Amino acid sequence: MKKTINQKKRSTDFTISLANEFEIIIPSDYDHDKEVNRFLEKFTKDFYRIEPEIKAELFKNASVKLKPGNTYLAKIFTVRVPYENIMGVEMKKVIAFLKKQELLLVGVRGLTLVYELKKNEFLKDNFVVSFEETVFDGKYSINPVLPCLQSLDSEYKNFTFGSSDFRMSGGSILCFCDPKP
């Protein structure tokens, strides 16, 4: 059963609301390093379009590694920007909000797992992005490649990537919370 909670953070230039949350169990055969390629091999035929630039190498330094058998609480937030700020909100402001909530930025692997296991939990007629924090030489940063699933006619059929300097003017964001013990 879908559980909808409405928590809002007001700002002068955007509103973030929790639109949905649900549990997701990471499959026992999940392999962090192979997940992107496995997903592309299995589901390419299901999509209207997948950008050819989507490659596992773009996501090899993820700081969050989901563990097989763990149960996570997935959260989908909607972002609304008032008309007077039609150019959108900077990603760094959205990420600051997410980090304050102590959410896991699960990136492309979060999107692929939810698509495969709980696709009906995505919001209809929308797009969903999932940020990923990377670690390189001991320094953490947001991956400049931003995975995005887009729905067409209530079906998620576009799998694209944007840039993390993209200005968000709507849509939704997928994050996970720490696993239950």
C-alpha atoms as a PDB file:
ATOM      1  CA  MET A   1       0.000   0.000   0.000  1.00  0.00           C
ATOM      2  CA  LYS A   2       1.398   3.359  -1.015  1.00  0.00           C
ATOM      3  CA  LYS A   3       2.027   5.659   1.926  1.00  0.00           C
ATOM      4  CA  THR A   4       1.981   9.362   1.170  1.00  0.00           C
ATOM      5  CA  ILE A   5       3.393  11.874   3.605  1.00  0.00           C
ATOM      6  CA  ASN A   6       3.386  15.591   3.057  1.00  0.00           C
ATOM      7  CA  GLN A   7       6.428  17.259   4.629  1.00  0.00           C
ATOM      8  CA  LYS A   8       7.338  20.626   3.193  1.00  0.00           C
ATOM      9  CA  LYS A   9      10.369  22.838   3.315  1.00  0.00           C
ATOM     10  CA  ARG A  10       9.545  26.356   2.217  1.00  0.00           C
ATOM     11  CA  SER A  11      12.086  28.649   0.681  1.00  0.00           C
ATOM     12  CA  THR A  12      11.890  31.774  -1.363  1.00  0.00           C
ATOM     13  CA  ASP A  13      12.564  29.822  -4.531  1.00  0.00           C
ATOM     14  CA  PHE A  14      11.305  26.231  -4.173  1.00  0.00           C
ATOM     15  CA  THR A  15       9.255  23.725  -2.181  1.00  0.00           C
ATOM     16  CA  ILE A  16      10.244  20.113  -1.571  1.00  0.00           C
ATOM     17  CA  SER A  17       7.518  17.694  -0.456  1.00  0.00           C
ATOM     18  CA  LEU A  18       7.745  14.032   0.449  1.00  0.00           C
ATOM     19  CA  ALA A  19       5.373  12.408  -2.055  1.00  0.00           C
ATOM     20  CA  ASN A  20       5.947   8.715  -1.381  1.00  0.00           C
ATOM     21  CA  GLU A  21       7.976   6.330   0.743  1.00  0.00           C
ATOM     22  CA  PHE A  22       8.256   2.563   0.596  1.00  0.00           C
ATOM     23  CA  GLU A  23      10.584  -0.251   1.594  1.00  0.00           C
ATOM     24  CA  ILE A  24      12.904  -1.867  -0.905  1.00  0.00           C
ATOM     25  CA  ILE A  25      14.908  -5.032  -0.249  1.00  0.00           C
ATOM     26  CA  ILE A  26      18.170  -5.315  -2.156  1.00  0.00           C
ATOM     27  CA  PRO A  27      18.240  -8.714  -3.938  1.00  0.00           C
ATOM     28  CA  SER A  28      20.676 -11.301  -2.591  1.00  0.00           C
ATOM     29  CA  ASP A  29      22.420 -11.523  -5.975  1.00  0.00           C
ATOM     30  CA  TYR A  30      22.898  -7.739  -6.264  1.00  0.00           C
ATOM     31  CA  ASP A  31      26.425  -6.757  -7.347  1.00  0.00           C
ATOM     32  CA  HIS A  32      27.166  -3.044  -6.966  1.00  0.00           C
ATOM     33  CA  ASP A  33      29.890  -3.014  -9.621  1.00  0.00           C
ATOM     34  CA  LYS A  34      27.791  -4.849 -12.221  1.00  0.00           C
ATOM     35  CA  GLU A  35      24.343  -3.349 -11.541  1.00  0.00           C
ATOM     36  CA  VAL A  36      24.301  -0.681 -14.276  1.00  0.00           C
ATOM     37  CA  ASN A  37      25.402  -3.049 -17.042  1.00  0.00           C
ATOM     38  CA  ARG A  38      23.083  -5.828 -15.794  1.00  0.00           C
ATOM     39  CA  PHE A  39      20.147  -3.441 -15.846  1.00  0.00           C
ATOM     40  CA  LEU A  40      20.947  -2.139 -19.328  1.00  0.00           C
ATOM     41  CA  GLU A  41      21.266  -5.682 -20.713  1.00  0.00           C
ATOM     42  CA  LYS A  42      18.002  -6.780 -19.139  1.00  0.00           C
ATOM     43  CA  PHE A  43      15.794  -3.716 -19.739  1.00  0.00           C
ATOM     44  CA  THR A  44      17.052  -1.890 -22.838  1.00  0.00           C
ATOM     45  CA  LYS A  45      14.167  -3.281 -24.900  1.00  0.00           C
ATOM     46  CA  ASP A  46      11.634  -1.832 -22.406  1.00  0.00           C
ATOM     47  CA  PHE A  47      12.652   1.782 -23.016  1.00  0.00           C
ATOM     48  CA  TYR A  48      11.635   4.108 -25.787  1.00  0.00           C
ATOM     49  CA  ARG A  49      15.070   5.702 -25.540  1.00  0.00           C
ATOM     50  CA  ILE A  50      18.252   5.142 -23.566  1.00  0.00           C
ATOM     51  CA  GLU A  51      21.030   7.600 -24.138  1.00  0.00           C
ATOM     52  CA  PRO A  52      24.107   5.845 -25.533  1.00  0.00           C
ATOM     53  CA  GLU A  53      26.332   7.697 -23.055  1.00  0.00           C
ATOM     54  CA  ILE A  54      24.941   5.622 -20.185  1.00  0.00           C
ATOM     55  CA  LYS A  55      27.877   3.506 -19.093  1.00  0.00           C
ATOM     56  CA  ALA A  56      28.825   1.935 -15.781  1.00  0.00           C
ATOM     57  CA  GLU A  57      32.216   3.701 -15.837  1.00  0.00           C
ATOM     58  CA  LEU A  58      30.468   7.021 -15.147  1.00  0.00           C
ATOM     59  CA  PHE A  59      29.338   5.683 -11.766  1.00  0.00           C
ATOM     60  CA  LYS A  60      32.273   3.596 -10.543  1.00  0.00           C
ATOM     61  CA  ASN A  61      33.229   5.848  -7.595  1.00  0.00           C
ATOM     62  CA  ALA A  62      29.884   5.912  -5.775  1.00  0.00           C
ATOM     63  CA  SER A  63      30.252   6.571  -2.049  1.00  0.00           C
ATOM     64  CA  VAL A  64      27.034   4.666  -1.212  1.00  0.00           C
ATOM     65  CA  LYS A  65      27.207   0.941  -1.899  1.00  0.00           C
ATOM     66  CA  LEU A  66      23.891  -0.812  -1.351  1.00  0.00           C
ATOM     67  CA  LYS A  67      24.218  -4.171   0.370  1.00  0.00           C
ATOM     68  CA  PRO A  68      22.434  -7.360  -0.728  1.00  0.00           C
ATOM     69  CA  GLY A  69      19.675  -8.412   1.666  1.00  0.00           C
ATOM     70  CA  ASN A  70      19.383  -4.987   3.339  1.00  0.00           C
ATOM     71  CA  THR A  71      16.009  -3.263   3.549  1.00  0.00           C
ATOM     72  CA  TYR A  72      16.044   0.466   2.812  1.00  0.00           C
ATOM     73  CA  LEU A  73      13.301   3.052   3.047  1.00  0.00           C
ATOM     74  CA  ALA A  74      13.042   4.717  -0.364  1.00  0.00           C
ATOM     75  CA  LYS A  75      11.698   8.275  -0.473  1.00  0.00           C
ATOM     76  CA  ILE A  76      10.465  10.226  -3.465  1.00  0.00           C
ATOM     77  CA  PHE A  77      10.328  13.998  -3.086  1.00  0.00           C
ATOM     78  CA  THR A  78       8.623  16.409  -5.460  1.00  0.00           C
ATOM     79  CA  VAL A  79      10.189  19.763  -6.263  1.00  0.00           C
ATOM     80  CA  ARG A  80       7.959  22.722  -7.048  1.00  0.00           C
ATOM     81  CA  VAL A  81       9.244  26.081  -8.191  1.00  0.00           C
ATOM     82  CA  PRO A  82       6.982  29.157  -8.297  1.00  0.00           C
ATOM     83  CA  TYR A  83       6.290  30.709 -11.687  1.00  0.00           C
ATOM     84  CA  GLU A  84       8.331  33.818 -10.865  1.00  0.00           C
ATOM     85  CA  ASN A  85      11.391  31.564 -10.527  1.00  0.00           C
ATOM     86  CA  ILE A  86      10.706  29.731 -13.785  1.00  0.00           C
ATOM     87  CA  MET A  87      14.450  29.284 -14.455  1.00  0.00           C
ATOM     88  CA  GLY A  88      14.441  26.671 -11.701  1.00  0.00           C
ATOM     89  CA  VAL A  89      16.385  26.063  -8.528  1.00  0.00           C
ATOM     90  CA  GLU A  90      20.072  25.247  -8.443  1.00  0.00           C
ATOM     91  CA  MET A  91      20.908  21.643  -7.698  1.00  0.00           C
ATOM     92  CA  LYS A  92      23.243  22.623  -4.849  1.00  0.00           C
ATOM     93  CA  LYS A  93      20.243  24.010  -2.930  1.00  0.00           C
ATOM     94  CA  VAL A  94      18.276  20.798  -3.459  1.00  0.00           C
ATOM     95  CA  ILE A  95      21.266  18.662  -2.433  1.00  0.00           C
ATOM     96  CA  ALA A  96      21.774  20.774   0.707  1.00  0.00           C
ATOM     97  CA  PHE A  97      18.167  20.002   1.698  1.00  0.00           C
ATOM     98  CA  LEU A  98      18.621  16.263   1.049  1.00  0.00           C
ATOM     99  CA  LYS A  99      21.864  16.109   3.055  1.00  0.00           C
ATOM    100  CA  LYS A 100      20.215  17.907   5.964  1.00  0.00           C
ATOM    101  CA  GLN A 101      17.647  15.078   6.002  1.00  0.00           C
ATOM    102  CA  GLU A 102      20.539  12.550   6.231  1.00  0.00           C
ATOM    103  CA  LEU A 103      19.367  10.727   3.103  1.00  0.00           C
ATOM    104  CA  LEU A 104      21.502   8.351   1.052  1.00  0.00           C
ATOM    105  CA  LEU A 105      22.195   9.667  -2.447  1.00  0.00           C
ATOM    106  CA  VAL A 106      21.903   6.370  -4.330  1.00  0.00           C
ATOM    107  CA  GLY A 107      22.146   7.630  -7.923  1.00  0.00           C
ATOM    108  CA  VAL A 108      21.697   5.382 -10.912  1.00  0.00           C
ATOM    109  CA  ARG A 109      21.658   2.159  -8.866  1.00  0.00           C
ATOM    110  CA  GLY A 110      18.710   3.390  -6.818  1.00  0.00           C
ATOM    111  CA  LEU A 111      16.806   4.206 -10.004  1.00  0.00           C
ATOM    112  CA  THR A 112      17.550   0.821 -11.580  1.00  0.00           C
ATOM    113  CA  LEU A 113      16.513  -1.144  -8.484  1.00  0.00           C
ATOM    114  CA  VAL A 114      13.273   0.777  -7.974  1.00  0.00           C
ATOM    115  CA  TYR A 115      12.452   0.487 -11.680  1.00  0.00           C
ATOM    116  CA  GLU A 116      12.921  -3.272 -11.580  1.00  0.00           C
ATOM    117  CA  LEU A 117      11.407  -4.063  -8.173  1.00  0.00           C
ATOM    118  CA  LYS A 118       8.885  -1.296  -7.398  1.00  0.00           C
ATOM    119  CA  LYS A 119       8.224   0.621 -10.615  1.00  0.00           C
ATOM    120  CA  ASN A 120       4.634   1.378  -9.597  1.00  0.00           C
ATOM    121  CA  GLU A 121       5.921   3.497  -6.713  1.00  0.00           C
ATOM    122  CA  PHE A 122       7.241   6.157  -9.123  1.00  0.00           C
ATOM    123  CA  LEU A 123       4.963   9.149  -9.612  1.00  0.00           C
ATOM    124  CA  LYS A 124       2.970   9.051 -12.863  1.00  0.00           C
ATOM    125  CA  ASP A 125       3.559  11.518 -15.720  1.00  0.00           C
ATOM    126  CA  ASN A 126       6.737  12.796 -14.131  1.00  0.00           C
ATOM    127  CA  PHE A 127      10.480  12.502 -14.214  1.00  0.00           C
ATOM    128  CA  VAL A 128      12.641  11.305 -11.368  1.00  0.00           C
ATOM    129  CA  VAL A 129      16.321  12.012 -10.780  1.00  0.00           C
ATOM    130  CA  SER A 130      18.657  10.457  -8.256  1.00  0.00           C
ATOM    131  CA  PHE A 131      21.832  12.195  -7.173  1.00  0.00           C
ATOM    132  CA  GLU A 132      24.991  10.269  -6.439  1.00  0.00           C
ATOM    133  CA  GLU A 133      27.861  11.265  -4.213  1.00  0.00           C
ATOM    134  CA  THR A 134      31.249  10.081  -5.403  1.00  0.00           C
ATOM    135  CA  VAL A 135      34.558   9.657  -3.641  1.00  0.00           C
ATOM    136  CA  PHE A 136      37.825  10.150  -5.457  1.00  0.00           C
ATOM    137  CA  ASP A 137      41.211  10.488  -3.731  1.00  0.00           C
ATOM    138  CA  GLY A 138      39.384  10.718  -0.386  1.00  0.00           C
ATOM    139  CA  LYS A 139      37.263  13.722  -1.463  1.00  0.00           C
ATOM    140  CA  TYR A 140      33.487  13.591  -1.693  1.00  0.00           C
ATOM    141  CA  SER A 141      31.546  15.407  -4.398  1.00  0.00           C
ATOM    142  CA  ILE A 142      28.302  15.103  -6.344  1.00  0.00           C
ATOM    143  CA  ASN A 143      28.656  13.096  -9.535  1.00  0.00           C
ATOM    144  CA  PRO A 144      28.370  15.588 -12.433  1.00  0.00           C
ATOM    145  CA  VAL A 145      26.311  13.006 -14.363  1.00  0.00           C
ATOM    146  CA  LEU A 146      22.685  13.018 -13.219  1.00  0.00           C
ATOM    147  CA  PRO A 147      20.570   9.926 -14.044  1.00  0.00           C
ATOM    148  CA  CYS A 148      16.928  10.585 -14.870  1.00  0.00           C
ATOM    149  CA  LEU A 149      13.954   8.352 -15.661  1.00  0.00           C
ATOM    150  CA  GLN A 150      11.132  10.071 -17.546  1.00  0.00           C
ATOM    151  CA  SER A 151       7.592   8.855 -17.955  1.00  0.00           C
ATOM    152  CA  LEU A 152       5.683   9.011 -21.205  1.00  0.00           C
ATOM    153  CA  ASP A 153       1.933   8.460 -20.887  1.00  0.00           C
ATOM    154  CA  SER A 154       2.292   7.154 -17.306  1.00  0.00           C
ATOM    155  CA  GLU A 155       5.010   4.656 -18.324  1.00  0.00           C
ATOM    156  CA  TYR A 156       8.693   5.182 -17.581  1.00  0.00           C
ATOM    157  CA  LYS A 157      10.215   4.733 -21.039  1.00  0.00           C
ATOM    158  CA  ASN A 158      13.033   7.314 -21.241  1.00  0.00           C
ATOM    159  CA  PHE A 159      16.300   6.722 -19.395  1.00  0.00           C
ATOM    160  CA  THR A 160      18.471   9.788 -19.791  1.00  0.00           C
ATOM    161  CA  PHE A 161      21.218  11.669 -18.071  1.00  0.00           C
ATOM    162  CA  GLY A 162      21.628  15.336 -17.407  1.00  0.00           C
ATOM    163  CA  SER A 163      24.235  17.396 -15.647  1.00  0.00           C
ATOM    164  CA  SER A 164      24.260  18.229 -11.935  1.00  0.00           C
ATOM    165  CA  ASP A 165      24.455  21.926 -12.793  1.00  0.00           C
ATOM    166  CA  PHE A 166      20.982  21.483 -14.303  1.00  0.00           C
ATOM    167  CA  ARG A 167      18.415  23.834 -12.749  1.00  0.00           C
ATOM    168  CA  MET A 168      15.383  21.915 -11.529  1.00  0.00           C
ATOM    169  CA  SER A 169      11.962  23.445 -12.173  1.00  0.00           C
ATOM    170  CA  GLY A 170       9.832  20.443 -11.223  1.00  0.00           C
ATOM    171  CA  GLY A 171       9.850  16.667 -11.140  1.00  0.00           C
ATOM    172  CA  SER A 172      10.885  14.344  -8.359  1.00  0.00           C
ATOM    173  CA  ILE A 173      13.967  13.026  -6.562  1.00  0.00           C
ATOM    174  CA  LEU A 174      14.676   9.487  -5.325  1.00  0.00           C
ATOM    175  CA  CYS A 175      16.768   8.887  -2.184  1.00  0.00           C
ATOM    176  CA  PHE A 176      17.098   6.044   0.320  1.00  0.00           C
ATOM    177  CA  CYS A 177      17.387   6.039   4.110  1.00  0.00           C
ATOM    178  CA  ASP A 178      19.849   3.909   6.038  1.00  0.00           C
ATOM    179  CA  PRO A 179      18.963   0.226   6.168  1.00  0.00           C
ATOM    180  CA  LYS A 180      17.056  -1.365   8.996  1.00  0.00           C
ATOM    181  CA  PRO A 181      19.267  -3.579  11.171  1.00  0.00           C
END
